[in-house]
Amino acid sequence: MLALLAAVLFGISTPLVQRAGESVGPFATAALLYAGAALLGWLQRQPAAREARLQRGDLQRVSLMALFGAVLGPVALAWGLQRTSGAGASLMLALEAVFTALLARAFYGEALDRRVQGAVLLLLAGAAALVVDRGGSGGGTQVLGLLAVLLATAAWAVDNTLSRALAERDPAQVVLVKSAIGAAASTTLALAWREPFPPVASALALLVVGASGYGLSLRLYLLAQRAFGAARTGSVFAFAPFVGAMLAIGLGERGLSWFMLAGSVLMLAGVVLHLSERHGHRHGHERLEHEHAHRHDDGHHDHRHDPMPSGSHSHWHRHEPMEHSHPHVPDAHHTHRH
C-alpha cells in the first residue's frame, strides 16, 4: 500500500508537471520540484530514537542519488514532456520498473524468476508499441520526447538502486538531503543556462507538485523498499504511469490510438505478472550488526529490552546466525544472492 500510494502521487505529478512547466525551462523545473520535496522532508523529520540517522559515509551515495534522481531524471522528463503527449510519456515511465529490476539483480542479487522475466518482456513490448505510435503520429519530435522520458526512467532506476542501501535510514532525512542537493545543482545549471525566471503561478504549482509527487512519494517509496526490496517496489510503482495517463486523458488530452492502447495493455499485464511472483526457500542468516527502525514481532528481532518497547524503534543491535525457510523478499535481512 505504501508503494501504491507513492505510485499514485508520482503518477498524478507527470501531467501536472507538463502543464505547470509549459513555460519553464527544464533545469528550473527540476529545481522547483526538488525544492518542494526538500521543504517537505524538512517538515517530516523524525526523532533519532525512532529512525536511524544518515551517516557521514552516506553522503557520497546521497549525492549520486541527487545527480541521477533529482537532476538528470526530472530534467530529461521536463524536456521530454514539452515534446510528446502526457499520456504517452506517462506510460513510458513504466520502464523504470524494468531498469530497476535489472539493476537490483546485477548489484544486489535479487531473484528474477520466469514471471519477472516475462513481466520485463511485456513492459519492453509495450514501450516499443508507444515508440511506434508516436513515430507514426508525431514524427521525430515525438519520438525524441519519448526517448528523453526513457532516459529519465533509466536515471530514476539508478536512483532506486542506490537508495536501496539507505532504506533503513530516516526516509525524511534522505528526502531532505537528496532534494536539497538536487535543487541546488539544478538551480546552478538553470542560472548557467540563463533560463528565464518562471512565472510566480507556475513556480508555486511546481513547488506543490514537487512536495507531493516527489517528496512525499519518495518517502513512501523508501519505506516500501525497506519492506520488500528494490525490484518489487519498482513493480508496484509501475502503476504510476497508468495513473498519469488516465489523468492526462481526463484533463482533455486527445490523440489516443490502437498502438497506445496495445502498449498500455502490455505494460499493465507486465506489472500484474511481476506482482504475482512469490519467493521462498531455505536460507541462512550470518551474524549481523546494524541500526534501523524495527519491531519485535517480525520474526527476526528477538533481542531483549528492559523495559520492552512497543512499536517501532531504532538502535544498534545484533542478529545471531540462524537458518530457516519461509517466504521472503530482499529486505535488509535477506540479502543472500541467487
C-alpha atoms as a PDB file:
ATOM      1  CA  MET A   1       0.000   0.000   0.000  1.00  0.00           C
ATOM      2  CA  LEU A   2       2.894   2.381   0.683  1.00  0.00           C
ATOM      3  CA  ALA A   3       4.358   1.699  -2.765  1.00  0.00           C
ATOM      4  CA  LEU A   4       0.947   2.027  -4.408  1.00  0.00           C
ATOM      5  CA  LEU A   5       0.288   5.393  -2.735  1.00  0.00           C
ATOM      6  CA  ALA A   6       3.764   6.541  -3.809  1.00  0.00           C
ATOM      7  CA  ALA A   7       2.897   5.483  -7.361  1.00  0.00           C
ATOM      8  CA  VAL A   8      -0.405   7.388  -7.337  1.00  0.00           C
ATOM      9  CA  LEU A   9       1.261  10.584  -6.102  1.00  0.00           C
ATOM     10  CA  PHE A  10       4.030  10.375  -8.693  1.00  0.00           C
ATOM     11  CA  GLY A  11       1.641   9.359 -11.467  1.00  0.00           C
ATOM     12  CA  ILE A  12      -0.558  12.394 -10.852  1.00  0.00           C
ATOM     13  CA  SER A  13       2.504  14.637 -10.925  1.00  0.00           C
ATOM     14  CA  THR A  14       3.541  13.841 -14.533  1.00  0.00           C
ATOM     15  CA  PRO A  15       0.689  15.533 -16.445  1.00  0.00           C
ATOM     16  CA  LEU A  16       0.644  18.322 -13.845  1.00  0.00           C
ATOM     17  CA  VAL A  17       4.368  18.989 -14.421  1.00  0.00           C
ATOM     18  CA  GLN A  18       3.660  19.111 -18.162  1.00  0.00           C
ATOM     19  CA  ARG A  19       1.089  21.861 -17.664  1.00  0.00           C
ATOM     20  CA  ALA A  20       2.758  23.824 -14.862  1.00  0.00           C
ATOM     21  CA  GLY A  21       6.152  23.656 -16.548  1.00  0.00           C
ATOM     22  CA  GLU A  22       4.967  24.553 -20.041  1.00  0.00           C
ATOM     23  CA  SER A  23       6.738  27.940 -19.977  1.00  0.00           C
ATOM     24  CA  VAL A  24       9.536  26.916 -17.582  1.00  0.00           C
ATOM     25  CA  GLY A  25      12.995  25.656 -18.544  1.00  0.00           C
ATOM     26  CA  PRO A  26      13.886  22.032 -17.706  1.00  0.00           C
ATOM     27  CA  PHE A  27      16.585  22.949 -15.155  1.00  0.00           C
ATOM     28  CA  ALA A  28      14.302  25.435 -13.396  1.00  0.00           C
ATOM     29  CA  THR A  29      11.517  22.830 -13.397  1.00  0.00           C
ATOM     30  CA  ALA A  30      13.769  20.266 -11.704  1.00  0.00           C
ATOM     31  CA  ALA A  31      14.976  22.871  -9.185  1.00  0.00           C
ATOM     32  CA  LEU A  32      11.450  23.862  -8.174  1.00  0.00           C
ATOM     33  CA  LEU A  33      10.209  20.262  -7.947  1.00  0.00           C
ATOM     34  CA  TYR A  34      13.008  19.250  -5.597  1.00  0.00           C
ATOM     35  CA  ALA A  35      12.866  22.476  -3.619  1.00  0.00           C
ATOM     36  CA  GLY A  36       9.294  21.497  -2.762  1.00  0.00           C
ATOM     37  CA  ALA A  37      10.439  17.960  -1.927  1.00  0.00           C
ATOM     38  CA  ALA A  38      13.223  19.297   0.331  1.00  0.00           C
ATOM     39  CA  LEU A  39      10.764  21.503   2.207  1.00  0.00           C
ATOM     40  CA  LEU A  40       8.503  18.520   2.881  1.00  0.00           C
ATOM     41  CA  GLY A  41      11.488  16.407   4.002  1.00  0.00           C
ATOM     42  CA  TRP A  42      12.474  19.111   6.488  1.00  0.00           C
ATOM     43  CA  LEU A  43       8.940  19.208   7.913  1.00  0.00           C
ATOM     44  CA  GLN A  44       8.754  15.383   8.272  1.00  0.00           C
ATOM     45  CA  ARG A  45      11.999  14.732  10.161  1.00  0.00           C
ATOM     46  CA  GLN A  46      11.692  12.020  12.829  1.00  0.00           C
ATOM     47  CA  PRO A  47      13.261  11.809  16.317  1.00  0.00           C
ATOM     48  CA  ALA A  48      16.547   9.859  16.421  1.00  0.00           C
ATOM     49  CA  ALA A  49      15.002   7.262  18.741  1.00  0.00           C
ATOM     50  CA  ARG A  50      12.551   6.193  16.014  1.00  0.00           C
ATOM     51  CA  GLU A  51      14.695   6.278  12.848  1.00  0.00           C
ATOM     52  CA  ALA A  52      18.379   5.716  12.104  1.00  0.00           C
ATOM     53  CA  ARG A  53      20.274   8.883  11.143  1.00  0.00           C
ATOM     54  CA  LEU A  54      22.231   9.348   7.936  1.00  0.00           C
ATOM     55  CA  GLN A  55      25.972   8.787   8.456  1.00  0.00           C
ATOM     56  CA  ARG A  56      28.925  10.735   7.054  1.00  0.00           C
ATOM     57  CA  GLY A  57      29.734   7.749   4.850  1.00  0.00           C
ATOM     58  CA  ASP A  58      26.277   8.008   3.211  1.00  0.00           C
ATOM     59  CA  LEU A  59      26.982  11.448   1.716  1.00  0.00           C
ATOM     60  CA  GLN A  60      28.583  10.134  -1.489  1.00  0.00           C
ATOM     61  CA  ARG A  61      25.665   7.788  -2.144  1.00  0.00           C
ATOM     62  CA  VAL A  62      23.087  10.518  -1.469  1.00  0.00           C
ATOM     63  CA  SER A  63      24.980  12.874  -3.788  1.00  0.00           C
ATOM     64  CA  LEU A  64      24.849  10.292  -6.582  1.00  0.00           C
ATOM     65  CA  MET A  65      21.131   9.803  -5.896  1.00  0.00           C
ATOM     66  CA  ALA A  66      20.671  13.548  -6.259  1.00  0.00           C
ATOM     67  CA  LEU A  67      22.647  13.621  -9.514  1.00  0.00           C
ATOM     68  CA  PHE A  68      20.610  10.859 -11.153  1.00  0.00           C
ATOM     69  CA  GLY A  69      17.250  11.228  -9.417  1.00  0.00           C
ATOM     70  CA  ALA A  70      16.973  14.960  -8.700  1.00  0.00           C
ATOM     71  CA  VAL A  71      18.857  16.441 -11.674  1.00  0.00           C
ATOM     72  CA  LEU A  72      19.159  14.121 -14.680  1.00  0.00           C
ATOM     73  CA  GLY A  73      15.777  12.385 -14.216  1.00  0.00           C
ATOM     74  CA  PRO A  74      13.490  15.421 -13.822  1.00  0.00           C
ATOM     75  CA  VAL A  75      15.417  17.488 -16.406  1.00  0.00           C
ATOM     76  CA  ALA A  76      15.048  14.723 -19.008  1.00  0.00           C
ATOM     77  CA  LEU A  77      11.368  14.303 -18.085  1.00  0.00           C
ATOM     78  CA  ALA A  78      10.641  18.045 -18.302  1.00  0.00           C
ATOM     79  CA  TRP A  79      12.378  18.267 -21.698  1.00  0.00           C
ATOM     80  CA  GLY A  80      10.519  15.222 -22.999  1.00  0.00           C
ATOM     81  CA  LEU A  81       7.112  16.378 -21.735  1.00  0.00           C
ATOM     82  CA  GLN A  82       7.428  19.529 -23.837  1.00  0.00           C
ATOM     83  CA  ARG A  83       7.801  17.395 -26.975  1.00  0.00           C
ATOM     84  CA  THR A  84       5.404  14.476 -26.610  1.00  0.00           C
ATOM     85  CA  SER A  85       1.956  13.671 -25.210  1.00  0.00           C
ATOM     86  CA  GLY A  86       1.382  13.455 -21.470  1.00  0.00           C
ATOM     87  CA  ALA A  87      -0.350  10.078 -21.780  1.00  0.00           C
ATOM     88  CA  GLY A  88       2.427   8.561 -23.883  1.00  0.00           C
ATOM     89  CA  ALA A  89       5.148   9.934 -21.603  1.00  0.00           C
ATOM     90  CA  SER A  90       3.314   8.679 -18.514  1.00  0.00           C
ATOM     91  CA  LEU A  91       3.059   5.165 -19.936  1.00  0.00           C
ATOM     92  CA  MET A  92       6.726   5.164 -20.945  1.00  0.00           C
ATOM     93  CA  LEU A  93       7.638   5.711 -17.278  1.00  0.00           C
ATOM     94  CA  ALA A  94       6.639   2.074 -16.631  1.00  0.00           C
ATOM     95  CA  LEU A  95      10.089   1.126 -17.956  1.00  0.00           C
ATOM     96  CA  GLU A  96      11.541   2.394 -14.681  1.00  0.00           C
ATOM     97  CA  ALA A  97      10.452  -0.958 -13.214  1.00  0.00           C
ATOM     98  CA  VAL A  98      12.416  -2.835 -15.896  1.00  0.00           C
ATOM     99  CA  PHE A  99      15.644  -0.925 -15.302  1.00  0.00           C
ATOM    100  CA  THR A 100      15.205  -1.152 -11.517  1.00  0.00           C
ATOM    101  CA  ALA A 101      14.683  -4.926 -11.608  1.00  0.00           C
ATOM    102  CA  LEU A 102      17.737  -5.478 -13.822  1.00  0.00           C
ATOM    103  CA  LEU A 103      19.963  -3.251 -11.680  1.00  0.00           C
ATOM    104  CA  ALA A 104      18.685  -4.874  -8.462  1.00  0.00           C
ATOM    105  CA  ARG A 105      19.631  -8.246  -9.935  1.00  0.00           C
ATOM    106  CA  ALA A 106      23.072  -7.051 -11.062  1.00  0.00           C
ATOM    107  CA  PHE A 107      24.105  -5.218  -7.880  1.00  0.00           C
ATOM    108  CA  TYR A 108      22.154  -6.946  -5.079  1.00  0.00           C
ATOM    109  CA  GLY A 109      21.475 -10.416  -6.463  1.00  0.00           C
ATOM    110  CA  GLU A 110      17.680 -10.050  -6.132  1.00  0.00           C
ATOM    111  CA  ALA A 111      15.957 -13.081  -7.652  1.00  0.00           C
ATOM    112  CA  LEU A 112      14.351 -12.697 -11.102  1.00  0.00           C
ATOM    113  CA  ASP A 113      12.295 -15.811 -11.787  1.00  0.00           C
ATOM    114  CA  ARG A 114      10.412 -16.619 -15.005  1.00  0.00           C
ATOM    115  CA  ARG A 115       7.434 -14.492 -14.002  1.00  0.00           C
ATOM    116  CA  VAL A 116       9.636 -11.444 -13.537  1.00  0.00           C
ATOM    117  CA  GLN A 117      11.472 -12.137 -16.793  1.00  0.00           C
ATOM    118  CA  GLY A 118       8.122 -12.404 -18.592  1.00  0.00           C
ATOM    119  CA  ALA A 119       6.988  -9.149 -16.982  1.00  0.00           C
ATOM    120  CA  VAL A 120      10.130  -7.384 -18.227  1.00  0.00           C
ATOM    121  CA  LEU A 121       9.465  -8.596 -21.791  1.00  0.00           C
ATOM    122  CA  LEU A 122       5.846  -7.396 -21.646  1.00  0.00           C
ATOM    123  CA  LEU A 123       6.900  -3.966 -20.394  1.00  0.00           C
ATOM    124  CA  LEU A 124       9.506  -3.680 -23.158  1.00  0.00           C
ATOM    125  CA  ALA A 125       6.951  -4.715 -25.792  1.00  0.00           C
ATOM    126  CA  GLY A 126       4.541  -2.074 -24.503  1.00  0.00           C
ATOM    127  CA  ALA A 127       7.232   0.593 -24.678  1.00  0.00           C
ATOM    128  CA  ALA A 128       8.066  -0.412 -28.256  1.00  0.00           C
ATOM    129  CA  ALA A 129       4.384  -0.011 -29.186  1.00  0.00           C
ATOM    130  CA  LEU A 130       4.411   3.522 -27.738  1.00  0.00           C
ATOM    131  CA  VAL A 131       7.505   4.483 -29.741  1.00  0.00           C
ATOM    132  CA  VAL A 132       5.928   3.139 -32.951  1.00  0.00           C
ATOM    133  CA  ASP A 133       2.715   5.026 -32.168  1.00  0.00           C
ATOM    134  CA  ARG A 134       4.467   8.368 -31.526  1.00  0.00           C
ATOM    135  CA  GLY A 135       6.691   7.930 -34.587  1.00  0.00           C
ATOM    136  CA  GLY A 136       3.639   7.476 -36.800  1.00  0.00           C
ATOM    137  CA  SER A 137       1.549  10.283 -35.315  1.00  0.00           C
ATOM    138  CA  GLY A 138       4.053  12.995 -34.444  1.00  0.00           C
ATOM    139  CA  GLY A 139       7.274  12.275 -36.306  1.00  0.00           C
ATOM    140  CA  GLY A 140      10.784  12.619 -34.953  1.00  0.00           C
ATOM    141  CA  THR A 141       9.985  15.251 -32.340  1.00  0.00           C
ATOM    142  CA  GLN A 142       7.509  12.982 -30.552  1.00  0.00           C
ATOM    143  CA  VAL A 143       9.997  10.092 -30.615  1.00  0.00           C
ATOM    144  CA  LEU A 144      12.769  12.324 -29.213  1.00  0.00           C
ATOM    145  CA  GLY A 145      10.401  13.321 -26.423  1.00  0.00           C
ATOM    146  CA  LEU A 146       9.741   9.670 -25.557  1.00  0.00           C
ATOM    147  CA  LEU A 147      13.462   8.867 -25.673  1.00  0.00           C
ATOM    148  CA  ALA A 148      14.076  11.706 -23.216  1.00  0.00           C
ATOM    149  CA  VAL A 149      11.441  10.182 -20.912  1.00  0.00           C
ATOM    150  CA  LEU A 150      13.200   6.827 -21.389  1.00  0.00           C
ATOM    151  CA  LEU A 151      16.440   8.458 -20.195  1.00  0.00           C
ATOM    152  CA  ALA A 152      14.564   9.769 -17.148  1.00  0.00           C
ATOM    153  CA  THR A 153      13.363   6.237 -16.287  1.00  0.00           C
ATOM    154  CA  ALA A 154      16.934   4.917 -16.513  1.00  0.00           C
ATOM    155  CA  ALA A 155      18.189   7.741 -14.262  1.00  0.00           C
ATOM    156  CA  TRP A 156      15.473   7.076 -11.667  1.00  0.00           C
ATOM    157  CA  ALA A 157      16.242   3.343 -11.788  1.00  0.00           C
ATOM    158  CA  VAL A 158      19.857   4.125 -10.863  1.00  0.00           C
ATOM    159  CA  ASP A 159      18.492   6.350  -8.079  1.00  0.00           C
ATOM    160  CA  ASN A 160      16.255   3.480  -6.869  1.00  0.00           C
ATOM    161  CA  THR A 161      19.192   1.064  -6.858  1.00  0.00           C
ATOM    162  CA  LEU A 162      21.384   3.474  -4.913  1.00  0.00           C
ATOM    163  CA  SER A 163      18.611   4.228  -2.417  1.00  0.00           C
ATOM    164  CA  ARG A 164      18.163   0.549  -1.517  1.00  0.00           C
ATOM    165  CA  ALA A 165      21.226   0.732   0.741  1.00  0.00           C
ATOM    166  CA  LEU A 166      19.667   3.714   2.559  1.00  0.00           C
ATOM    167  CA  ALA A 167      16.221   2.184   3.018  1.00  0.00           C
ATOM    168  CA  GLU A 168      16.949   1.668   6.730  1.00  0.00           C
ATOM    169  CA  ARG A 169      17.822   5.354   7.307  1.00  0.00           C
ATOM    170  CA  ASP A 170      15.296   8.026   8.248  1.00  0.00           C
ATOM    171  CA  PRO A 171      13.394   8.466   4.956  1.00  0.00           C
ATOM    172  CA  ALA A 172      12.552  12.113   5.668  1.00  0.00           C
ATOM    173  CA  GLN A 173      16.245  12.876   6.184  1.00  0.00           C
ATOM    174  CA  VAL A 174      17.154  11.065   2.952  1.00  0.00           C
ATOM    175  CA  VAL A 175      14.477  13.052   1.068  1.00  0.00           C
ATOM    176  CA  LEU A 176      15.702  16.328   2.603  1.00  0.00           C
ATOM    177  CA  VAL A 177      19.411  15.861   1.821  1.00  0.00           C
ATOM    178  CA  LYS A 178      18.908  14.391  -1.644  1.00  0.00           C
ATOM    179  CA  SER A 179      16.338  17.016  -2.643  1.00  0.00           C
ATOM    180  CA  ALA A 180      18.382  19.927  -1.278  1.00  0.00           C
ATOM    181  CA  ILE A 181      21.465  18.807  -3.233  1.00  0.00           C
ATOM    182  CA  GLY A 182      19.373  18.268  -6.372  1.00  0.00           C
ATOM    183  CA  ALA A 183      17.605  21.612  -6.090  1.00  0.00           C
ATOM    184  CA  ALA A 184      20.909  23.459  -5.573  1.00  0.00           C
ATOM    185  CA  ALA A 185      22.552  21.722  -8.553  1.00  0.00           C
ATOM    186  CA  SER A 186      19.558  22.314 -10.846  1.00  0.00           C
ATOM    187  CA  THR A 187      19.364  25.979  -9.802  1.00  0.00           C
ATOM    188  CA  THR A 188      23.050  26.428 -10.622  1.00  0.00           C
ATOM    189  CA  LEU A 189      22.515  24.856 -14.051  1.00  0.00           C
ATOM    190  CA  ALA A 190      19.423  26.979 -14.690  1.00  0.00           C
ATOM    191  CA  LEU A 191      21.417  30.139 -13.955  1.00  0.00           C
ATOM    192  CA  ALA A 192      24.348  28.969 -16.061  1.00  0.00           C
ATOM    193  CA  TRP A 193      21.953  28.178 -18.935  1.00  0.00           C
ATOM    194  CA  ARG A 194      20.326  31.593 -18.432  1.00  0.00           C
ATOM    195  CA  GLU A 195      16.849  30.186 -18.222  1.00  0.00           C
ATOM    196  CA  PRO A 196      14.257  32.917 -17.587  1.00  0.00           C
ATOM    197  CA  PHE A 197      12.715  33.202 -14.126  1.00  0.00           C
ATOM    198  CA  PRO A 198       9.423  31.246 -14.185  1.00  0.00           C
ATOM    199  CA  PRO A 199       6.050  32.939 -13.617  1.00  0.00           C
ATOM    200  CA  VAL A 200       5.025  33.012  -9.953  1.00  0.00           C
ATOM    201  CA  ALA A 201       1.947  30.835 -10.528  1.00  0.00           C
ATOM    202  CA  SER A 202       3.991  28.192 -12.347  1.00  0.00           C
ATOM    203  CA  ALA A 203       6.709  28.272  -9.687  1.00  0.00           C
ATOM    204  CA  LEU A 204       4.202  27.791  -6.850  1.00  0.00           C
ATOM    205  CA  ALA A 205       2.450  24.980  -8.729  1.00  0.00           C
ATOM    206  CA  LEU A 206       5.752  23.153  -9.312  1.00  0.00           C
ATOM    207  CA  LEU A 207       6.711  23.562  -5.640  1.00  0.00           C
ATOM    208  CA  VAL A 208       3.424  21.943  -4.560  1.00  0.00           C
ATOM    209  CA  VAL A 209       3.738  19.153  -7.135  1.00  0.00           C
ATOM    210  CA  GLY A 210       7.323  18.580  -6.013  1.00  0.00           C
ATOM    211  CA  ALA A 211       6.329  18.336  -2.338  1.00  0.00           C
ATOM    212  CA  SER A 212       3.654  15.713  -3.010  1.00  0.00           C
ATOM    213  CA  GLY A 213       4.668  13.910  -6.199  1.00  0.00           C
ATOM    214  CA  TYR A 214       8.401  13.838  -5.460  1.00  0.00           C
ATOM    215  CA  GLY A 215       8.950  14.463  -1.728  1.00  0.00           C
ATOM    216  CA  LEU A 216       6.087  12.523  -0.144  1.00  0.00           C
ATOM    217  CA  SER A 217       6.159   9.931  -2.927  1.00  0.00           C
ATOM    218  CA  LEU A 218       9.890   9.311  -2.347  1.00  0.00           C
ATOM    219  CA  ARG A 219       9.387   8.986   1.415  1.00  0.00           C
ATOM    220  CA  LEU A 220       6.695   6.345   0.893  1.00  0.00           C
ATOM    221  CA  TYR A 221       8.837   4.644  -1.764  1.00  0.00           C
ATOM    222  CA  LEU A 222      11.772   4.318   0.651  1.00  0.00           C
ATOM    223  CA  LEU A 223       9.523   2.858   3.350  1.00  0.00           C
ATOM    224  CA  ALA A 224       8.131   0.326   0.861  1.00  0.00           C
ATOM    225  CA  GLN A 225      11.639  -0.509  -0.401  1.00  0.00           C
ATOM    226  CA  ARG A 226      12.654  -1.146   3.204  1.00  0.00           C
ATOM    227  CA  ALA A 227       9.850  -3.680   3.477  1.00  0.00           C
ATOM    228  CA  PHE A 228      10.297  -5.733   0.295  1.00  0.00           C
ATOM    229  CA  GLY A 229      13.250  -4.753  -1.832  1.00  0.00           C
ATOM    230  CA  ALA A 230      14.031  -2.645  -4.875  1.00  0.00           C
ATOM    231  CA  ALA A 231      12.654  -4.815  -7.684  1.00  0.00           C
ATOM    232  CA  ARG A 232       9.244  -5.445  -6.108  1.00  0.00           C
ATOM    233  CA  THR A 233       8.788  -1.850  -5.003  1.00  0.00           C
ATOM    234  CA  GLY A 234       9.610  -0.858  -8.573  1.00  0.00           C
ATOM    235  CA  SER A 235       6.904  -3.213  -9.817  1.00  0.00           C
ATOM    236  CA  VAL A 236       4.182  -1.668  -7.681  1.00  0.00           C
ATOM    237  CA  PHE A 237       5.482   1.782  -8.565  1.00  0.00           C
ATOM    238  CA  ALA A 238       4.977   0.881 -12.233  1.00  0.00           C
ATOM    239  CA  PHE A 239       1.285   1.590 -11.698  1.00  0.00           C
ATOM    240  CA  ALA A 240       2.205   5.299 -11.636  1.00  0.00           C
ATOM    241  CA  PRO A 241       2.287   5.639 -15.447  1.00  0.00           C
ATOM    242  CA  PHE A 242      -1.273   4.384 -15.781  1.00  0.00           C
ATOM    243  CA  VAL A 243      -2.469   6.851 -13.153  1.00  0.00           C
ATOM    244  CA  GLY A 244      -0.708   9.644 -15.051  1.00  0.00           C
ATOM    245  CA  ALA A 245      -2.099   8.540 -18.408  1.00  0.00           C
ATOM    246  CA  MET A 246      -5.661   8.418 -17.063  1.00  0.00           C
ATOM    247  CA  LEU A 247      -5.300  11.889 -15.563  1.00  0.00           C
ATOM    248  CA  ALA A 248      -3.875  13.254 -18.835  1.00  0.00           C
ATOM    249  CA  ILE A 249      -6.884  11.858 -20.702  1.00  0.00           C
ATOM    250  CA  GLY A 250      -9.220  13.206 -18.022  1.00  0.00           C
ATOM    251  CA  LEU A 251      -7.667  16.657 -18.479  1.00  0.00           C
ATOM    252  CA  GLY A 252      -8.660  16.585 -22.131  1.00  0.00           C
ATOM    253  CA  GLU A 253      -5.674  15.128 -23.945  1.00  0.00           C
ATOM    254  CA  ARG A 254      -6.531  13.547 -27.273  1.00  0.00           C
ATOM    255  CA  GLY A 255      -4.582  11.559 -29.845  1.00  0.00           C
ATOM    256  CA  LEU A 256      -5.131   8.084 -28.392  1.00  0.00           C
ATOM    257  CA  SER A 257      -4.621   5.206 -30.820  1.00  0.00           C
ATOM    258  CA  TRP A 258      -4.748   1.440 -31.041  1.00  0.00           C
ATOM    259  CA  PHE A 259      -0.952   1.279 -30.632  1.00  0.00           C
ATOM    260  CA  MET A 260      -1.154   3.297 -27.411  1.00  0.00           C
ATOM    261  CA  LEU A 261      -3.966   1.085 -26.145  1.00  0.00           C
ATOM    262  CA  ALA A 262      -1.977  -2.058 -27.009  1.00  0.00           C
ATOM    263  CA  GLY A 263       1.113  -0.639 -25.312  1.00  0.00           C
ATOM    264  CA  SER A 264      -0.799   0.171 -22.133  1.00  0.00           C
ATOM    265  CA  VAL A 265      -2.367  -3.322 -22.028  1.00  0.00           C
ATOM    266  CA  LEU A 266       1.038  -4.999 -22.462  1.00  0.00           C
ATOM    267  CA  MET A 267       2.596  -2.830 -19.754  1.00  0.00           C
ATOM    268  CA  LEU A 268      -0.267  -3.389 -17.323  1.00  0.00           C
ATOM    269  CA  ALA A 269      -0.016  -7.147 -17.914  1.00  0.00           C
ATOM    270  CA  GLY A 270       3.712  -6.952 -17.174  1.00  0.00           C
ATOM    271  CA  VAL A 271       3.133  -5.124 -13.898  1.00  0.00           C
ATOM    272  CA  VAL A 272       0.471  -7.627 -12.750  1.00  0.00           C
ATOM    273  CA  LEU A 273       2.679 -10.592 -13.728  1.00  0.00           C
ATOM    274  CA  HIS A 274       5.622  -9.180 -11.760  1.00  0.00           C
ATOM    275  CA  LEU A 275       3.483  -8.615  -8.685  1.00  0.00           C
ATOM    276  CA  SER A 276       2.233 -12.242  -8.766  1.00  0.00           C
ATOM    277  CA  GLU A 277       5.772 -13.540  -8.147  1.00  0.00           C
ATOM    278  CA  ARG A 278       6.361 -15.335  -4.815  1.00  0.00           C
ATOM    279  CA  HIS A 279       9.732 -16.340  -3.434  1.00  0.00           C
ATOM    280  CA  GLY A 280      10.640 -18.735  -0.620  1.00  0.00           C
ATOM    281  CA  HIS A 281      13.367 -21.315   0.156  1.00  0.00           C
ATOM    282  CA  ARG A 282      15.646 -22.463   2.948  1.00  0.00           C
ATOM    283  CA  HIS A 283      18.264 -19.823   3.657  1.00  0.00           C
ATOM    284  CA  GLY A 284      20.785 -18.862   6.303  1.00  0.00           C
ATOM    285  CA  HIS A 285      21.449 -15.648   8.191  1.00  0.00           C
ATOM    286  CA  GLU A 286      25.016 -14.794   9.177  1.00  0.00           C
ATOM    287  CA  ARG A 287      25.879 -12.768  12.268  1.00  0.00           C
ATOM    288  CA  LEU A 288      24.857  -9.175  11.551  1.00  0.00           C
ATOM    289  CA  GLU A 289      25.107  -5.910  13.483  1.00  0.00           C
ATOM    290  CA  HIS A 290      23.360  -2.766  12.241  1.00  0.00           C
ATOM    291  CA  GLU A 291      20.937   0.017  13.140  1.00  0.00           C
ATOM    292  CA  HIS A 292      17.499   0.614  11.699  1.00  0.00           C
ATOM    293  CA  ALA A 293      13.874   1.058  12.718  1.00  0.00           C
ATOM    294  CA  HIS A 294      12.411  -2.337  13.708  1.00  0.00           C
ATOM    295  CA  ARG A 295       9.753  -4.140  15.722  1.00  0.00           C
ATOM    296  CA  HIS A 296       9.920  -7.301  17.834  1.00  0.00           C
ATOM    297  CA  ASP A 297       7.062  -9.159  16.169  1.00  0.00           C
ATOM    298  CA  ASP A 298       8.635  -9.722  12.726  1.00  0.00           C
ATOM    299  CA  GLY A 299      10.467 -12.989  13.423  1.00  0.00           C
ATOM    300  CA  HIS A 300      13.963 -11.528  13.004  1.00  0.00           C
ATOM    301  CA  HIS A 301      14.376  -9.317  16.097  1.00  0.00           C
ATOM    302  CA  ASP A 302      14.446 -11.318  19.340  1.00  0.00           C
ATOM    303  CA  HIS A 303      16.923  -9.275  21.391  1.00  0.00           C
ATOM    304  CA  ARG A 304      15.718  -8.141  24.795  1.00  0.00           C
ATOM    305  CA  HIS A 305      14.998  -4.712  26.293  1.00  0.00           C
ATOM    306  CA  ASP A 306      14.242  -3.688  29.842  1.00  0.00           C
ATOM    307  CA  PRO A 307      11.588  -2.462  29.601  1.00  0.00           C
ATOM    308  CA  MET A 308      10.477  -3.866  26.237  1.00  0.00           C
ATOM    309  CA  PRO A 309       9.430  -1.008  23.896  1.00  0.00           C
ATOM    310  CA  SER A 310       6.193  -1.133  21.980  1.00  0.00           C
ATOM    311  CA  GLY A 311       6.045  -0.378  18.286  1.00  0.00           C
ATOM    312  CA  SER A 312       8.847   0.706  16.004  1.00  0.00           C
ATOM    313  CA  HIS A 313      12.138   1.975  17.439  1.00  0.00           C
ATOM    314  CA  SER A 314      15.753   2.342  16.287  1.00  0.00           C
ATOM    315  CA  HIS A 315      19.094   1.408  17.888  1.00  0.00           C
ATOM    316  CA  TRP A 316      22.243  -0.577  17.154  1.00  0.00           C
ATOM    317  CA  HIS A 317      21.537  -4.316  17.587  1.00  0.00           C
ATOM    318  CA  ARG A 318      22.917  -7.743  16.713  1.00  0.00           C
ATOM    319  CA  HIS A 319      21.452 -10.766  14.912  1.00  0.00           C
ATOM    320  CA  GLU A 320      22.816 -14.208  15.752  1.00  0.00           C
ATOM    321  CA  PRO A 321      23.336 -16.794  12.964  1.00  0.00           C
ATOM    322  CA  MET A 322      20.270 -18.862  12.076  1.00  0.00           C
ATOM    323  CA  GLU A 323      18.856 -20.951   9.251  1.00  0.00           C
ATOM    324  CA  HIS A 324      15.195 -21.381   8.357  1.00  0.00           C
ATOM    325  CA  SER A 325      12.702 -21.453   5.494  1.00  0.00           C
ATOM    326  CA  HIS A 326       9.865 -19.034   4.802  1.00  0.00           C
ATOM    327  CA  PRO A 327       8.560 -16.777   2.011  1.00  0.00           C
ATOM    328  CA  HIS A 328      10.708 -13.666   1.971  1.00  0.00           C
ATOM    329  CA  VAL A 329      11.680 -10.622  -0.008  1.00  0.00           C
ATOM    330  CA  PRO A 330      15.101  -8.955  -0.466  1.00  0.00           C
ATOM    331  CA  ASP A 331      14.941  -6.670   2.549  1.00  0.00           C
ATOM    332  CA  ALA A 332      17.860  -5.773   4.824  1.00  0.00           C
ATOM    333  CA  HIS A 333      17.758  -9.232   6.463  1.00  0.00           C
ATOM    334  CA  HIS A 334      17.572 -11.233   3.211  1.00  0.00           C
ATOM    335  CA  THR A 335      20.479 -10.041   1.097  1.00  0.00           C
ATOM    336  CA  HIS A 336      21.706 -13.509   0.102  1.00  0.00           C
ATOM    337  CA  ARG A 337      22.424 -13.972  -3.593  1.00  0.00           C
ATOM    338  CA  HIS A 338      20.712 -16.374  -6.004  1.00  0.00           C
END
